């Protein structure tokens, strides 16, 4: 399996429950611990992200917070803060099955799931 194949498999497996391709980008799973197309957990990011990644996330979060505030013009700062802090949750089905389905959808032989990841 190539690195790109592995990355594509993870994206599809992690967001297998999404209704369509666009919804995969918005997916939230593992009880709210993971998000996005690749369902990265915050602890995983802490282990593998570099400082520039965190700085880019901060910039994106600032823009998202501006949009959040703009969508709730009638809320006070207290209400905005409470709304922002609530969070969401989602159910995560059996992971290996999702990976195997993702491989099949990508036309990658399922036996590669048990093999090495390489260029």
PDB file of N, CA and C in Angstrom:
ATOM      1  N   UNK A   1       0.860  -1.176   0.000  1.00  0.00           N
ATOM      2  CA  UNK A   1       0.000   0.000   0.000  1.00  0.00           C
ATOM      3  C   UNK A   1       0.900   1.230   0.000  1.00  0.00           C
ATOM      4  N   UNK A   2       0.568   2.224  -0.801  1.00  0.00           N
ATOM      5  CA  UNK A   2       1.355   3.454  -0.826  1.00  0.00           C
ATOM      6  C   UNK A   2       0.918   4.375   0.318  1.00  0.00           C
ATOM      7  N   UNK A   3       1.729   5.390   0.601  1.00  0.00           N
ATOM      8  CA  UNK A   3       1.362   6.382   1.622  1.00  0.00           C
ATOM      9  C   UNK A   3       0.046   7.047   1.245  1.00  0.00           C
ATOM     10  N   UNK A   4      -0.086   7.434  -0.031  1.00  0.00           N
ATOM     11  CA  UNK A   4      -1.338   8.066  -0.471  1.00  0.00           C
ATOM     12  C   UNK A   4      -2.528   7.130  -0.326  1.00  0.00           C
ATOM     13  N   UNK A   5      -2.334   5.855  -0.653  1.00  0.00           N
ATOM     14  CA  UNK A   5      -3.417   4.880  -0.471  1.00  0.00           C
ATOM     15  C   UNK A   5      -3.820   4.797   0.998  1.00  0.00           C
ATOM     16  N   UNK A   6      -2.820   4.745   1.876  1.00  0.00           N
ATOM     17  CA  UNK A   6      -3.108   4.671   3.307  1.00  0.00           C
ATOM     18  C   UNK A   6      -3.868   5.908   3.780  1.00  0.00           C
ATOM     19  N   UNK A   7      -3.409   7.090   3.364  1.00  0.00           N
ATOM     20  CA  UNK A   7      -4.073   8.335   3.764  1.00  0.00           C
ATOM     21  C   UNK A   7      -5.513   8.356   3.240  1.00  0.00           C
ATOM     22  N   UNK A   8      -5.726   7.969   1.992  1.00  0.00           N
ATOM     23  CA  UNK A   8      -7.084   7.913   1.434  1.00  0.00           C
ATOM     24  C   UNK A   8      -7.953   6.914   2.183  1.00  0.00           C
ATOM     25  N   UNK A   9      -7.375   5.760   2.550  1.00  0.00           N
ATOM     26  CA  UNK A   9      -8.117   4.755   3.307  1.00  0.00           C
ATOM     27  C   UNK A   9      -8.550   5.320   4.658  1.00  0.00           C
ATOM     28  N   UNK A  10      -7.636   5.986   5.365  1.00  0.00           N
ATOM     29  CA  UNK A  10      -7.964   6.557   6.669  1.00  0.00           C
ATOM     30  C   UNK A  10      -9.101   7.556   6.537  1.00  0.00           C
ATOM     31  N   UNK A  11      -9.028   8.448   5.561  1.00  0.00           N
ATOM     32  CA  UNK A  11     -10.081   9.437   5.371  1.00  0.00           C
ATOM     33  C   UNK A  11     -11.439   8.810   5.136  1.00  0.00           C
ATOM     34  N   UNK A  12     -11.481   7.821   4.279  1.00  0.00           N
ATOM     35  CA  UNK A  12     -12.764   7.159   3.995  1.00  0.00           C
ATOM     36  C   UNK A  12     -13.252   6.336   5.175  1.00  0.00           C
ATOM     37  N   UNK A  13     -12.349   5.626   5.832  1.00  0.00           N
ATOM     38  CA  UNK A  13     -12.740   4.786   6.963  1.00  0.00           C
ATOM     39  C   UNK A  13     -13.225   5.636   8.132  1.00  0.00           C
ATOM     40  N   UNK A  14     -12.535   6.714   8.389  1.00  0.00           N
ATOM     41  CA  UNK A  14     -12.869   7.556   9.527  1.00  0.00           C
ATOM     42  C   UNK A  14     -14.214   8.263   9.354  1.00  0.00           C
ATOM     43  N   UNK A  15     -14.603   8.511   8.121  1.00  0.00           N
ATOM     44  CA  UNK A  15     -15.838   9.253   7.878  1.00  0.00           C
ATOM     45  C   UNK A  15     -16.844   8.427   7.093  1.00  0.00           C
ATOM     46  N   UNK A  16     -16.802   7.108   7.288  1.00  0.00           N
ATOM     47  CA  UNK A  16     -17.663   6.191   6.532  1.00  0.00           C
ATOM     48  C   UNK A  16     -19.145   6.452   6.758  1.00  0.00           C
ATOM     49  N   UNK A  17     -19.530   6.994   7.897  1.00  0.00           N
ATOM     50  CA  UNK A  17     -20.935   7.232   8.194  1.00  0.00           C
ATOM     51  C   UNK A  17     -21.494   8.507   7.591  1.00  0.00           C
ATOM     52  N   UNK A  18     -20.655   9.287   6.934  1.00  0.00           N
ATOM     53  CA  UNK A  18     -21.113  10.556   6.351  1.00  0.00           C
ATOM     54  C   UNK A  18     -22.083  10.294   5.204  1.00  0.00           C
ATOM     55  N   UNK A  19     -23.067  11.161   5.083  1.00  0.00           N
ATOM     56  CA  UNK A  19     -24.099  11.004   4.053  1.00  0.00           C
ATOM     57  C   UNK A  19     -23.542  11.205   2.643  1.00  0.00           C
ATOM     58  N   UNK A  20     -22.521  12.039   2.503  1.00  0.00           N
ATOM     59  CA  UNK A  20     -21.949  12.310   1.187  1.00  0.00           C
ATOM     60  C   UNK A  20     -20.502  12.785   1.358  1.00  0.00           C
ATOM     61  N   UNK A  21     -19.836  12.992   0.243  1.00  0.00           N
ATOM     62  CA  UNK A  21     -18.421  13.376   0.290  1.00  0.00           C
ATOM     63  C   UNK A  21     -18.210  14.695   1.026  1.00  0.00           C
ATOM     64  N   UNK A  22     -19.084  15.665   0.816  1.00  0.00           N
ATOM     65  CA  UNK A  22     -18.936  16.956   1.488  1.00  0.00           C
ATOM     66  C   UNK A  22     -19.067  16.815   3.000  1.00  0.00           C
ATOM     67  N   UNK A  23     -19.996  15.970   3.463  1.00  0.00           N
ATOM     68  CA  UNK A  23     -20.197  15.783   4.899  1.00  0.00           C
ATOM     69  C   UNK A  23     -18.992  15.138   5.583  1.00  0.00           C
ATOM     70  N   UNK A  24     -18.155  14.459   4.805  1.00  0.00           N
ATOM     71  CA  UNK A  24     -16.949  13.858   5.381  1.00  0.00           C
ATOM     72  C   UNK A  24     -16.051  14.929   6.001  1.00  0.00           C
ATOM     73  N   UNK A  25     -16.036  16.114   5.401  1.00  0.00           N
ATOM     74  CA  UNK A  25     -15.210  17.205   5.917  1.00  0.00           C
ATOM     75  C   UNK A  25     -15.694  17.676   7.283  1.00  0.00           C
ATOM     76  N   UNK A  26     -16.989  17.556   7.536  1.00  0.00           N
ATOM     77  CA  UNK A  26     -17.606  18.059   8.767  1.00  0.00           C
ATOM     78  C   UNK A  26     -17.752  16.989   9.838  1.00  0.00           C
ATOM     79  N   UNK A  27     -17.300  15.787   9.562  1.00  0.00           N
ATOM     80  CA  UNK A  27     -17.534  14.666  10.469  1.00  0.00           C
ATOM     81  C   UNK A  27     -16.910  14.893  11.848  1.00  0.00           C
ATOM     82  N   UNK A  28     -17.653  14.481  12.862  1.00  0.00           N
ATOM     83  CA  UNK A  28     -17.180  14.495  14.247  1.00  0.00           C
ATOM     84  C   UNK A  28     -17.432  13.102  14.800  1.00  0.00           C
ATOM     85  N   UNK A  29     -16.415  12.498  15.388  1.00  0.00           N
ATOM     86  CA  UNK A  29     -16.571  11.131  15.868  1.00  0.00           C
ATOM     87  C   UNK A  29     -15.879  10.877  17.188  1.00  0.00           C
ATOM     88  N   UNK A  30     -15.893   9.621  17.569  1.00  0.00           N
ATOM     89  CA  UNK A  30     -15.254   9.166  18.800  1.00  0.00           C
ATOM     90  C   UNK A  30     -15.671  10.012  19.998  1.00  0.00           C
ATOM     91  N   UNK A  31     -16.974  10.190  20.113  1.00  0.00           N
ATOM     92  CA  UNK A  31     -17.504  10.935  21.251  1.00  0.00           C
ATOM     93  C   UNK A  31     -17.067  12.386  21.277  1.00  0.00           C
ATOM     94  N   UNK A  32     -16.804  12.956  20.109  1.00  0.00           N
ATOM     95  CA  UNK A  32     -16.391  14.349  20.022  1.00  0.00           C
ATOM     96  C   UNK A  32     -14.888  14.559  20.145  1.00  0.00           C
ATOM     97  N   UNK A  33     -14.130  13.489  20.257  1.00  0.00           N
ATOM     98  CA  UNK A  33     -12.677  13.614  20.412  1.00  0.00           C
ATOM     99  C   UNK A  33     -11.953  13.825  19.087  1.00  0.00           C
ATOM    100  N   UNK A  34     -12.621  13.505  17.978  1.00  0.00           N
ATOM    101  CA  UNK A  34     -11.972  13.580  16.672  1.00  0.00           C
ATOM    102  C   UNK A  34     -12.848  14.370  15.708  1.00  0.00           C
ATOM    103  N   UNK A  35     -12.208  14.982  14.711  1.00  0.00           N
ATOM    104  CA  UNK A  35     -12.984  15.743  13.753  1.00  0.00           C
ATOM    105  C   UNK A  35     -12.303  15.851  12.404  1.00  0.00           C
ATOM    106  N   UNK A  36     -13.112  16.217  11.406  1.00  0.00           N
ATOM    107  CA  UNK A  36     -12.619  16.423  10.063  1.00  0.00           C
ATOM    108  C   UNK A  36     -12.556  15.150   9.246  1.00  0.00           C
ATOM    109  N   UNK A  37     -12.122  15.307   8.013  1.00  0.00           N
ATOM    110  CA  UNK A  37     -12.065  14.193   7.071  1.00  0.00           C
ATOM    111  C   UNK A  37     -11.242  13.024   7.606  1.00  0.00           C
ATOM    112  N   UNK A  38     -10.156  13.321   8.321  1.00  0.00           N
ATOM    113  CA  UNK A  38      -9.273  12.268   8.819  1.00  0.00           C
ATOM    114  C   UNK A  38      -9.506  11.940  10.287  1.00  0.00           C
ATOM    115  N   UNK A  39     -10.484  12.578  10.910  1.00  0.00           N
ATOM    116  CA  UNK A  39     -10.863  12.281  12.292  1.00  0.00           C
ATOM    117  C   UNK A  39      -9.661  12.259  13.231  1.00  0.00           C
ATOM    118  N   UNK A  40      -8.817  13.275  13.132  1.00  0.00           N
ATOM    119  CA  UNK A  40      -7.651  13.352  14.007  1.00  0.00           C
ATOM    120  C   UNK A  40      -8.076  13.709  15.422  1.00  0.00           C
ATOM    121  N   UNK A  41      -7.583  12.943  16.369  1.00  0.00           N
ATOM    122  CA  UNK A  41      -7.811  13.238  17.781  1.00  0.00           C
ATOM    123  C   UNK A  41      -6.844  14.334  18.215  1.00  0.00           C
ATOM    124  N   UNK A  42      -7.259  15.110  19.180  1.00  0.00           N
ATOM    125  CA  UNK A  42      -6.401  16.185  19.679  1.00  0.00           C
ATOM    126  C   UNK A  42      -5.104  15.631  20.255  1.00  0.00           C
ATOM    127  N   UNK A  43      -5.155  14.528  20.971  1.00  0.00           N
ATOM    128  CA  UNK A  43      -3.935  13.942  21.530  1.00  0.00           C
ATOM    129  C   UNK A  43      -2.988  13.503  20.410  1.00  0.00           C
ATOM    130  N   UNK A  44      -3.540  12.990  19.322  1.00  0.00           N
ATOM    131  CA  UNK A  44      -2.720  12.587  18.180  1.00  0.00           C
ATOM    132  C   UNK A  44      -2.039  13.807  17.580  1.00  0.00           C
ATOM    133  N   UNK A  45      -2.813  14.890  17.404  1.00  0.00           N
ATOM    134  CA  UNK A  45      -2.232  16.121  16.870  1.00  0.00           C
ATOM    135  C   UNK A  45      -1.087  16.596  17.752  1.00  0.00           C
ATOM    136  N   UNK A  46      -1.280  16.537  19.056  1.00  0.00           N
ATOM    137  CA  UNK A  46      -0.236  16.978  19.983  1.00  0.00           C
ATOM    138  C   UNK A  46       1.050  16.174  19.768  1.00  0.00           C
ATOM    139  N   UNK A  47       0.900  14.907  19.467  1.00  0.00           N
ATOM    140  CA  UNK A  47       2.071  14.047  19.259  1.00  0.00           C
ATOM    141  C   UNK A  47       2.757  14.266  17.906  1.00  0.00           C
ATOM    142  N   UNK A  48       1.990  14.634  16.871  1.00  0.00           N
ATOM    143  CA  UNK A  48       2.551  14.650  15.522  1.00  0.00           C
ATOM    144  C   UNK A  48       2.582  16.005  14.820  1.00  0.00           C
ATOM    145  N   UNK A  49       1.841  16.976  15.295  1.00  0.00           N
ATOM    146  CA  UNK A  49       1.845  18.284  14.646  1.00  0.00           C
ATOM    147  C   UNK A  49       3.078  19.071  15.055  1.00  0.00           C
ATOM    148  N   UNK A  50       3.515  19.914  14.149  1.00  0.00           N
ATOM    149  CA  UNK A  50       4.606  20.843  14.435  1.00  0.00           C
ATOM    150  C   UNK A  50       4.007  22.211  14.760  1.00  0.00           C
ATOM    151  N   UNK A  51       4.833  23.109  15.244  1.00  0.00           N
ATOM    152  CA  UNK A  51       4.337  24.419  15.682  1.00  0.00           C
ATOM    153  C   UNK A  51       3.584  25.145  14.569  1.00  0.00           C
ATOM    154  N   UNK A  52       4.067  25.065  13.347  1.00  0.00           N
ATOM    155  CA  UNK A  52       3.395  25.755  12.240  1.00  0.00           C
ATOM    156  C   UNK A  52       1.964  25.247  12.060  1.00  0.00           C
ATOM    157  N   UNK A  53       1.734  23.963  12.295  1.00  0.00           N
ATOM    158  CA  UNK A  53       0.385  23.399  12.179  1.00  0.00           C
ATOM    159  C   UNK A  53      -0.547  24.049  13.191  1.00  0.00           C
ATOM    160  N   UNK A  54      -0.058  24.208  14.419  1.00  0.00           N
ATOM    161  CA  UNK A  54      -0.870  24.830  15.463  1.00  0.00           C
ATOM    162  C   UNK A  54      -1.139  26.293  15.153  1.00  0.00           C
ATOM    163  N   UNK A  55      -0.158  26.973  14.572  1.00  0.00           N
ATOM    164  CA  UNK A  55      -0.343  28.379  14.217  1.00  0.00           C
ATOM    165  C   UNK A  55      -1.387  28.522  13.106  1.00  0.00           C
ATOM    166  N   UNK A  56      -1.351  27.625  12.136  1.00  0.00           N
ATOM    167  CA  UNK A  56      -2.358  27.647  11.066  1.00  0.00           C
ATOM    168  C   UNK A  56      -3.750  27.356  11.623  1.00  0.00           C
ATOM    169  N   UNK A  57      -3.837  26.402  12.547  1.00  0.00           N
ATOM    170  CA  UNK A  57      -5.116  26.101  13.172  1.00  0.00           C
ATOM    171  C   UNK A  57      -5.644  27.316  13.934  1.00  0.00           C
ATOM    172  N   UNK A  58      -4.760  28.018  14.612  1.00  0.00           N
ATOM    173  CA  UNK A  58      -5.184  29.222  15.343  1.00  0.00           C
ATOM    174  C   UNK A  58      -5.786  30.259  14.388  1.00  0.00           C
ATOM    175  N   UNK A  59      -5.154  30.463  13.251  1.00  0.00           N
ATOM    176  CA  UNK A  59      -5.673  31.419  12.267  1.00  0.00           C
ATOM    177  C   UNK A  59      -7.056  30.976  11.781  1.00  0.00           C
ATOM    178  N   UNK A  60      -7.198  29.704  11.446  1.00  0.00           N
ATOM    179  CA  UNK A  60      -8.495  29.202  10.975  1.00  0.00           C
ATOM    180  C   UNK A  60      -9.549  29.314  12.067  1.00  0.00           C
ATOM    181  N   UNK A  61      -9.175  28.996  13.294  1.00  0.00           N
ATOM    182  CA  UNK A  61     -10.121  29.096  14.409  1.00  0.00           C
ATOM    183  C   UNK A  61     -10.580  30.533  14.632  1.00  0.00           C
ATOM    184  N   UNK A  62      -9.673  31.480  14.486  1.00  0.00           N
ATOM    185  CA  UNK A  62     -10.049  32.889  14.654  1.00  0.00           C
ATOM    186  C   UNK A  62     -11.106  33.288  13.617  1.00  0.00           C
ATOM    187  N   UNK A  63     -10.910  32.880  12.362  1.00  0.00           N
ATOM    188  CA  UNK A  63     -11.905  33.172  11.323  1.00  0.00           C
ATOM    189  C   UNK A  63     -13.231  32.472  11.627  1.00  0.00           C
ATOM    190  N   UNK A  64     -13.152  31.237  12.100  1.00  0.00           N
ATOM    191  CA  UNK A  64     -14.371  30.508  12.452  1.00  0.00           C
ATOM    192  C   UNK A  64     -15.103  31.197  13.597  1.00  0.00           C
ATOM    193  N   UNK A  65     -14.374  31.686  14.570  1.00  0.00           N
ATOM    194  CA  UNK A  65     -15.005  32.404  15.682  1.00  0.00           C
ATOM    195  C   UNK A  65     -15.671  33.689  15.202  1.00  0.00           C
ATOM    196  N   UNK A  66     -15.059  34.366  14.268  1.00  0.00           N
ATOM    197  CA  UNK A  66     -15.691  35.565  13.695  1.00  0.00           C
ATOM    198  C   UNK A  66     -17.013  35.210  13.008  1.00  0.00           C
ATOM    199  N   UNK A  67     -17.036  34.125  12.241  1.00  0.00           N
ATOM    200  CA  UNK A  67     -18.276  33.692  11.577  1.00  0.00           C
ATOM    201  C   UNK A  67     -19.315  33.278  12.615  1.00  0.00           C
ATOM    202  N   UNK A  68     -18.884  32.574  13.650  1.00  0.00           N
ATOM    203  CA  UNK A  68     -19.773  32.167  14.738  1.00  0.00           C
ATOM    204  C   UNK A  68     -20.431  33.390  15.371  1.00  0.00           C
ATOM    205  N   UNK A  69     -19.649  34.382  15.682  1.00  0.00           N
ATOM    206  CA  UNK A  69     -20.173  35.611  16.296  1.00  0.00           C
ATOM    207  C   UNK A  69     -21.141  36.305  15.342  1.00  0.00           C
ATOM    208  N   UNK A  70     -20.782  36.383  14.069  1.00  0.00           N
ATOM    209  CA  UNK A  70     -21.640  37.040  13.073  1.00  0.00           C
ATOM    210  C   UNK A  70     -22.975  36.319  12.904  1.00  0.00           C
ATOM    211  N   UNK A  71     -23.015  35.023  13.085  1.00  0.00           N
ATOM    212  CA  UNK A  71     -24.257  34.254  12.936  1.00  0.00           C
ATOM    213  C   UNK A  71     -25.177  34.378  14.143  1.00  0.00           C
ATOM    214  N   UNK A  72     -24.692  34.928  15.206  1.00  0.00           N
ATOM    215  CA  UNK A  72     -25.488  35.089  16.434  1.00  0.00           C
ATOM    216  C   UNK A  72     -25.445  36.539  16.919  1.00  0.00           C
ATOM    217  N   UNK A  73     -25.931  37.477  16.084  1.00  0.00           N
ATOM    218  CA  UNK A  73     -25.799  38.898  16.431  1.00  0.00           C
ATOM    219  C   UNK A  73     -26.597  39.316  17.665  1.00  0.00           C
ATOM    220  N   UNK A  74     -27.603  38.554  18.040  1.00  0.00           N
ATOM    221  CA  UNK A  74     -28.439  38.926  19.183  1.00  0.00           C
ATOM    222  C   UNK A  74     -27.964  38.326  20.504  1.00  0.00           C
ATOM    223  N   UNK A  75     -26.906  37.573  20.489  1.00  0.00           N
ATOM    224  CA  UNK A  75     -26.414  36.945  21.715  1.00  0.00           C
ATOM    225  C   UNK A  75     -25.410  37.843  22.429  1.00  0.00           C
ATOM    226  N   UNK A  76     -25.433  37.757  23.742  1.00  0.00           N
ATOM    227  CA  UNK A  76     -24.431  38.456  24.537  1.00  0.00           C
ATOM    228  C   UNK A  76     -23.138  37.648  24.515  1.00  0.00           C
ATOM    229  N   UNK A  77     -22.079  38.259  25.004  1.00  0.00           N
ATOM    230  CA  UNK A  77     -20.810  37.533  25.100  1.00  0.00           C
ATOM    231  C   UNK A  77     -20.979  36.293  25.972  1.00  0.00           C
ATOM    232  N   UNK A  78     -21.732  36.406  27.033  1.00  0.00           N
ATOM    233  CA  UNK A  78     -21.967  35.257  27.911  1.00  0.00           C
ATOM    234  C   UNK A  78     -22.695  34.154  27.155  1.00  0.00           C
ATOM    235  N   UNK A  79     -23.724  34.508  26.393  1.00  0.00           N
ATOM    236  CA  UNK A  79     -24.474  33.512  25.630  1.00  0.00           C
ATOM    237  C   UNK A  79     -23.609  32.888  24.544  1.00  0.00           C
ATOM    238  N   UNK A  80     -22.824  33.727  23.869  1.00  0.00           N
ATOM    239  CA  UNK A  80     -21.917  33.202  22.855  1.00  0.00           C
ATOM    240  C   UNK A  80     -20.920  32.228  23.471  1.00  0.00           C
ATOM    241  N   UNK A  81     -20.364  32.608  24.613  1.00  0.00           N
ATOM    242  CA  UNK A  81     -19.385  31.743  25.274  1.00  0.00           C
ATOM    243  C   UNK A  81     -20.016  30.418  25.687  1.00  0.00           C
ATOM    244  N   UNK A  82     -21.233  30.473  26.215  1.00  0.00           N
ATOM    245  CA  UNK A  82     -21.920  29.238  26.633  1.00  0.00           C
ATOM    246  C   UNK A  82     -22.228  28.362  25.427  1.00  0.00           C
ATOM    247  N   UNK A  83     -22.705  28.976  24.349  1.00  0.00           N
ATOM    248  CA  UNK A  83     -23.013  28.231  23.129  1.00  0.00           C
ATOM    249  C   UNK A  83     -21.753  27.611  22.535  1.00  0.00           C
ATOM    250  N   UNK A  84     -20.695  28.382  22.509  1.00  0.00           N
ATOM    251  CA  UNK A  84     -19.418  27.897  21.962  1.00  0.00           C
ATOM    252  C   UNK A  84     -18.897  26.705  22.758  1.00  0.00           C
ATOM    253  N   UNK A  85     -19.092  26.685  24.035  1.00  0.00           N
ATOM    254  CA  UNK A  85     -18.522  25.673  24.912  1.00  0.00           C
ATOM    255  C   UNK A  85     -19.291  24.350  24.943  1.00  0.00           C
ATOM    256  N   UNK A  86     -20.480  24.272  24.380  1.00  0.00           N
ATOM    257  CA  UNK A  86     -21.307  23.072  24.513  1.00  0.00           C
ATOM    258  C   UNK A  86     -20.721  21.825  23.876  1.00  0.00           C
ATOM    259  N   UNK A  87     -20.237  21.926  22.655  1.00  0.00           N
ATOM    260  CA  UNK A  87     -19.687  20.759  21.970  1.00  0.00           C
ATOM    261  C   UNK A  87     -20.760  19.837  21.419  1.00  0.00           C
ATOM    262  N   UNK A  88     -20.315  18.764  20.749  1.00  0.00           N
ATOM    263  CA  UNK A  88     -21.206  17.784  20.113  1.00  0.00           C
ATOM    264  C   UNK A  88     -20.629  16.389  20.309  1.00  0.00           C
ATOM    265  N   UNK A  89     -21.408  15.376  19.956  1.00  0.00           N
ATOM    266  CA  UNK A  89     -20.900  14.000  20.013  1.00  0.00           C
ATOM    267  C   UNK A  89     -21.432  13.191  18.833  1.00  0.00           C
ATOM    268  N   UNK A  90     -20.772  12.080  18.532  1.00  0.00           N
ATOM    269  CA  UNK A  90     -21.189  11.195  17.439  1.00  0.00           C
ATOM    270  C   UNK A  90     -20.802   9.760  17.782  1.00  0.00           C
ATOM    271  N   UNK A  91     -21.484   8.802  17.171  1.00  0.00           N
ATOM    272  CA  UNK A  91     -21.218   7.376  17.399  1.00  0.00           C
ATOM    273  C   UNK A  91     -20.228   6.880  16.353  1.00  0.00           C
ATOM    274  N   UNK A  92     -19.292   6.020  16.762  1.00  0.00           N
ATOM    275  CA  UNK A  92     -18.267   5.488  15.869  1.00  0.00           C
ATOM    276  C   UNK A  92     -18.425   3.977  15.725  1.00  0.00           C
ATOM    277  N   UNK A  93     -18.763   3.449  14.512  1.00  0.00           N
ATOM    278  CA  UNK A  93     -18.904   1.996  14.320  1.00  0.00           C
ATOM    279  C   UNK A  93     -17.546   1.284  14.302  1.00  0.00           C
ATOM    280  N   UNK A  94     -17.570  -0.009  14.122  1.00  0.00           N
ATOM    281  CA  UNK A  94     -16.351  -0.829  14.145  1.00  0.00           C
ATOM    282  C   UNK A  94     -15.326  -0.321  13.126  1.00  0.00           C
ATOM    283  N   UNK A  95     -14.148  -0.008  13.620  1.00  0.00           N
ATOM    284  CA  UNK A  95     -13.129   0.662  12.808  1.00  0.00           C
ATOM    285  C   UNK A  95     -12.546  -0.214  11.696  1.00  0.00           C
ATOM    286  N   UNK A  96     -12.194  -1.422  11.965  1.00  0.00           N
ATOM    287  CA  UNK A  96     -11.600  -2.268  10.928  1.00  0.00           C
ATOM    288  C   UNK A  96     -12.551  -2.471   9.759  1.00  0.00           C
ATOM    289  N   UNK A  97     -13.819  -2.635  10.046  1.00  0.00           N
ATOM    290  CA  UNK A  97     -14.815  -2.808   8.984  1.00  0.00           C
ATOM    291  C   UNK A  97     -14.857  -1.557   8.109  1.00  0.00           C
ATOM    292  N   UNK A  98     -14.791  -0.388   8.728  1.00  0.00           N
ATOM    293  CA  UNK A  98     -14.807   0.870   7.959  1.00  0.00           C
ATOM    294  C   UNK A  98     -13.563   0.977   7.085  1.00  0.00           C
ATOM    295  N   UNK A  99     -12.420   0.578   7.621  1.00  0.00           N
ATOM    296  CA  UNK A  99     -11.192   0.622   6.822  1.00  0.00           C
ATOM    297  C   UNK A  99     -11.286  -0.308   5.619  1.00  0.00           C
ATOM    298  N   UNK A 100     -11.778  -1.509   5.840  1.00  0.00           N
ATOM    299  CA  UNK A 100     -11.909  -2.467   4.738  1.00  0.00           C
ATOM    300  C   UNK A 100     -12.888  -1.969   3.679  1.00  0.00           C
ATOM    301  N   UNK A 101     -13.986  -1.392   4.095  1.00  0.00           N
ATOM    302  CA  UNK A 101     -14.941  -0.815   3.137  1.00  0.00           C
ATOM    303  C   UNK A 101     -14.308   0.339   2.371  1.00  0.00           C
ATOM    304  N   UNK A 102     -13.524   1.158   3.076  1.00  0.00           N
ATOM    305  CA  UNK A 102     -12.849   2.277   2.415  1.00  0.00           C
ATOM    306  C   UNK A 102     -11.874   1.771   1.362  1.00  0.00           C
ATOM    307  N   UNK A 103     -11.122   0.741   1.692  1.00  0.00           N
ATOM    308  CA  UNK A 103     -10.203   0.165   0.713  1.00  0.00           C
ATOM    309  C   UNK A 103     -10.960  -0.333  -0.515  1.00  0.00           C
ATOM    310  N   UNK A 104     -12.067  -1.031  -0.293  1.00  0.00           N
ATOM    311  CA  UNK A 104     -12.868  -1.534  -1.413  1.00  0.00           C
ATOM    312  C   UNK A 104     -13.377  -0.376  -2.264  1.00  0.00           C
ATOM    313  N   UNK A 105     -13.838   0.692  -1.637  1.00  0.00           N
ATOM    314  CA  UNK A 105     -14.348   1.857  -2.376  1.00  0.00           C
ATOM    315  C   UNK A 105     -13.250   2.530  -3.189  1.00  0.00           C
ATOM    316  N   UNK A 106     -12.024   2.427  -2.708  1.00  0.00           N
ATOM    317  CA  UNK A 106     -10.885   3.019  -3.412  1.00  0.00           C
ATOM    318  C   UNK A 106     -10.231   2.040  -4.390  1.00  0.00           C
ATOM    319  N   UNK A 107     -10.815   0.841  -4.541  1.00  0.00           N
ATOM    320  CA  UNK A 107     -10.275  -0.218  -5.414  1.00  0.00           C
ATOM    321  C   UNK A 107      -8.853  -0.614  -5.016  1.00  0.00           C
ATOM    322  N   UNK A 108      -8.580  -0.600  -3.719  1.00  0.00           N
ATOM    323  CA  UNK A 108      -7.299  -1.065  -3.187  1.00  0.00           C
ATOM    324  C   UNK A 108      -7.553  -2.451  -2.595  1.00  0.00           C
ATOM    325  N   UNK A 109      -6.735  -3.448  -2.966  1.00  0.00           N
ATOM    326  CA  UNK A 109      -6.949  -4.796  -2.431  1.00  0.00           C
ATOM    327  C   UNK A 109      -7.005  -4.781  -0.896  1.00  0.00           C
ATOM    328  N   UNK A 110      -8.024  -5.424  -0.348  1.00  0.00           N
ATOM    329  CA  UNK A 110      -8.219  -5.398   1.101  1.00  0.00           C
ATOM    330  C   UNK A 110      -7.083  -6.083   1.860  1.00  0.00           C
ATOM    331  N   UNK A 111      -6.357  -6.983   1.206  1.00  0.00           N
ATOM    332  CA  UNK A 111      -5.241  -7.631   1.897  1.00  0.00           C
ATOM    333  C   UNK A 111      -4.111  -6.645   2.199  1.00  0.00           C
ATOM    334  N   UNK A 112      -4.100  -5.493   1.534  1.00  0.00           N
ATOM    335  CA  UNK A 112      -3.087  -4.486   1.823  1.00  0.00           C
ATOM    336  C   UNK A 112      -3.292  -3.822   3.181  1.00  0.00           C
ATOM    337  N   UNK A 113      -4.456  -4.001   3.753  1.00  0.00           N
ATOM    338  CA  UNK A 113      -4.737  -3.465   5.082  1.00  0.00           C
ATOM    339  C   UNK A 113      -3.786  -4.059   6.121  1.00  0.00           C
ATOM    340  N   UNK A 114      -3.367  -5.281   5.910  1.00  0.00           N
ATOM    341  CA  UNK A 114      -2.457  -5.968   6.828  1.00  0.00           C
ATOM    342  C   UNK A 114      -0.997  -5.882   6.400  1.00  0.00           C
ATOM    343  N   UNK A 115      -0.717  -5.103   5.372  1.00  0.00           N
ATOM    344  CA  UNK A 115       0.654  -4.970   4.879  1.00  0.00           C
ATOM    345  C   UNK A 115       1.276  -3.635   5.273  1.00  0.00           C
ATOM    346  N   UNK A 116       2.514  -3.435   4.892  1.00  0.00           N
ATOM    347  CA  UNK A 116       3.215  -2.191   5.220  1.00  0.00           C
ATOM    348  C   UNK A 116       2.691  -1.001   4.417  1.00  0.00           C
ATOM    349  N   UNK A 117       2.947   0.190   4.913  1.00  0.00           N
ATOM    350  CA  UNK A 117       2.618   1.443   4.215  1.00  0.00           C
ATOM    351  C   UNK A 117       3.927   2.006   3.694  1.00  0.00           C
ATOM    352  N   UNK A 118       3.978   2.267   2.382  1.00  0.00           N
ATOM    353  CA  UNK A 118       5.236   2.691   1.764  1.00  0.00           C
ATOM    354  C   UNK A 118       4.970   3.654   0.627  1.00  0.00           C
ATOM    355  N   UNK A 119       6.012   4.259   0.096  1.00  0.00           N
ATOM    356  CA  UNK A 119       5.895   5.126  -1.085  1.00  0.00           C
ATOM    357  C   UNK A 119       5.579   4.337  -2.319  1.00  0.00           C
TER     358      UNK A 119
END
